[in-house]
Amino acid sequence: MLHTHLTSEKWKSFSLDKQILMIANEINRAKNWITKKDFEKVSYCHERAFELIDLTVDSFKNKSLIRELLRFRELIATEYVYRVNNDEQNMKLFKVLLSLNLESYNIYN
């Protein structure tokens, strides 16, 4: 586990909007590292996002949300595998993630 302090039980105690915002935080960190051209750290941010997405998928029974989160995970995986490292693309991913949960979107905006 990359988030050594985080257990599945602790993650489940967070609301969905907080979980989405914490995943979004990893995407935002990736944006910062893209700007600094430290692509190894960008990959590390993506790996942490994968972990949080997986924990979120495991904690919810809402099948449509799970499906959308897994689609989002695929988008990040494409970025990760092909090392796209494009600031504009990263911001699109960030916005897509926030659009999955209205409360997260409203908190951010």
Protein backbone atom coordinates (compact mmCIF):
# COMPACT_ATOMS: atom_id res chain seq x y z
CA MET A 1 0.00 0.00 0.00
CA LEU A 2 1.27 3.44 -0.91
CA HIS A 3 -0.92 5.12 1.69
CA THR A 4 0.52 3.18 4.61
CA HIS A 5 -1.61 4.97 7.20
CA LEU A 6 -4.84 4.24 5.36
CA THR A 7 -6.86 1.11 5.97
CA SER A 8 -9.88 -0.06 4.03
CA GLU A 9 -12.03 0.46 7.12
CA LYS A 10 -10.80 4.02 7.60
CA TRP A 11 -11.38 4.80 3.92
CA LYS A 12 -14.94 3.47 4.15
CA SER A 13 -15.61 5.88 7.01
CA PHE A 14 -15.11 8.87 4.69
CA SER A 15 -18.05 10.23 2.71
CA LEU A 16 -18.03 9.74 -1.05
CA ASP A 17 -17.42 13.44 -1.67
CA LYS A 18 -14.35 13.35 0.58
CA GLN A 19 -13.08 10.21 -1.17
CA ILE A 20 -13.50 11.84 -4.59
CA LEU A 21 -11.73 14.98 -3.39
CA MET A 22 -8.83 12.93 -2.05
CA ILE A 23 -8.46 11.17 -5.41
CA ALA A 24 -8.70 14.57 -7.11
CA ASN A 25 -5.91 15.78 -4.85
CA GLU A 26 -3.60 13.12 -6.33
CA ILE A 27 -4.55 14.24 -9.85
CA ASN A 28 -3.85 17.84 -8.85
CA ARG A 29 -0.47 16.83 -7.44
CA ALA A 30 0.30 15.17 -10.77
CA LYS A 31 -0.47 18.47 -12.49
CA ASN A 32 2.04 20.23 -10.25
CA TRP A 33 4.74 17.67 -11.08
CA ILE A 34 3.94 17.90 -14.79
CA THR A 35 4.59 21.64 -14.56
CA LYS A 36 7.92 20.93 -12.85
CA LYS A 37 8.70 18.21 -15.43
CA ASP A 38 9.28 15.58 -12.75
CA PHE A 39 7.56 12.73 -14.55
CA GLU A 40 8.60 10.06 -12.08
CA LYS A 41 6.59 11.86 -9.40
CA VAL A 42 3.68 12.20 -11.84
CA SER A 43 3.64 8.40 -12.13
CA TYR A 44 3.75 8.09 -8.37
CA CYS A 45 0.70 10.37 -8.07
CA HIS A 46 -1.14 8.17 -10.57
CA GLU A 47 -0.24 5.07 -8.56
CA ARG A 48 -1.64 6.65 -5.40
CA ALA A 49 -4.79 7.63 -7.32
CA PHE A 50 -5.17 3.99 -8.47
CA GLU A 51 -4.99 2.85 -4.88
CA LEU A 52 -7.64 5.34 -3.71
CA ILE A 53 -9.94 4.51 -6.62
CA ASP A 54 -9.65 0.82 -5.80
CA LEU A 55 -10.50 1.51 -2.16
CA THR A 56 -13.51 3.58 -3.25
CA VAL A 57 -14.73 0.87 -5.61
CA ASP A 58 -14.47 -1.65 -2.76
CA SER A 59 -16.40 0.57 -0.37
CA PHE A 60 -19.52 1.31 -2.42
CA LYS A 61 -22.30 -0.85 -3.79
CA ASN A 62 -23.59 1.72 -6.29
CA LYS A 63 -22.94 -0.12 -9.56
CA SER A 64 -23.21 2.92 -11.81
CA LEU A 65 -20.69 4.82 -9.68
CA ILE A 66 -18.34 1.84 -9.64
CA ARG A 67 -18.59 1.57 -13.41
CA GLU A 68 -17.76 5.27 -13.84
CA LEU A 69 -14.86 5.12 -11.39
CA LEU A 70 -13.42 2.14 -13.24
CA ARG A 71 -13.74 4.00 -16.54
CA PHE A 72 -11.96 6.93 -14.93
CA ARG A 73 -9.27 4.55 -13.70
CA GLU A 74 -8.77 3.42 -17.31
CA LEU A 75 -8.21 7.02 -18.37
CA ILE A 76 -5.53 7.47 -15.73
CA ALA A 77 -4.01 4.12 -16.68
CA THR A 78 -3.66 5.36 -20.26
CA GLU A 79 -1.88 8.47 -18.98
CA TYR A 80 0.31 6.29 -16.77
CA VAL A 81 1.26 3.69 -19.36
CA TYR A 82 1.86 6.08 -22.23
CA ARG A 83 3.35 8.78 -19.99
CA VAL A 84 1.25 11.47 -21.60
CA ASN A 85 2.21 14.06 -18.95
CA ASN A 86 0.15 16.81 -20.49
CA ASP A 87 -1.13 19.56 -18.21
CA GLU A 88 -4.27 20.17 -20.26
CA GLN A 89 -5.16 16.47 -20.35
CA ASN A 90 -4.53 16.21 -16.62
CA MET A 91 -6.96 19.07 -15.94
CA LYS A 92 -9.60 17.33 -18.07
CA LEU A 93 -9.17 14.23 -15.93
CA PHE A 94 -9.49 16.34 -12.80
CA LYS A 95 -12.76 17.86 -14.03
CA VAL A 96 -14.14 14.49 -15.11
CA LEU A 97 -13.47 13.06 -11.66
CA LEU A 98 -15.19 15.94 -9.89
CA SER A 99 -18.18 15.61 -12.22
CA LEU A 100 -18.81 12.11 -10.84
CA ASN A 101 -20.05 13.58 -7.56
CA LEU A 102 -22.01 16.82 -7.32
CA GLU A 103 -21.01 17.49 -3.72
CA SER A 104 -17.31 17.17 -4.57
CA TYR A 105 -17.79 19.45 -7.54
CA ASN A 106 -19.57 22.05 -5.41
CA ILE A 107 -16.94 21.89 -2.66
CA TYR A 108 -14.14 22.43 -5.16
CA ASN A 109 -15.92 25.25 -6.97
